[in-house]
């Protein structure tokens, strides 16, 4: 149940983040709540399999995006958004690293799924 519990806690923090984003003055608080949620998602997904090659284009794309968006932003965003982005990209990498895109799934019996080699 550890996976489910961590996902649930991550979703709760994401809901808190959504609520805080209603008010402009709580934007950073919302970002922190989302960041905490992402940390729970990352811990739920774990680091096995590691699949580092998958992470490389994800981090490069995020750095390129930040390099275009960040220069005209206020100092507080220049300090916080890269941290949040790193958490977001790490969460996406960890979730994607677990997916087996090219395995064929078959069913043996109703309600059961078996991977074919």
Foldseek 3Di string as FASTA:
>chain_A
DLLVVLQVQLVVLQVVLVVQVVDPVSNVVSLVSNLSSLVSLLVSLDCPPVPVVLLVVLVVVLVVVCVVPVPVDDPVCVPPVVVSSVSVSSSVSSVVVPDDVPWDWDDDDPPDIDTDD
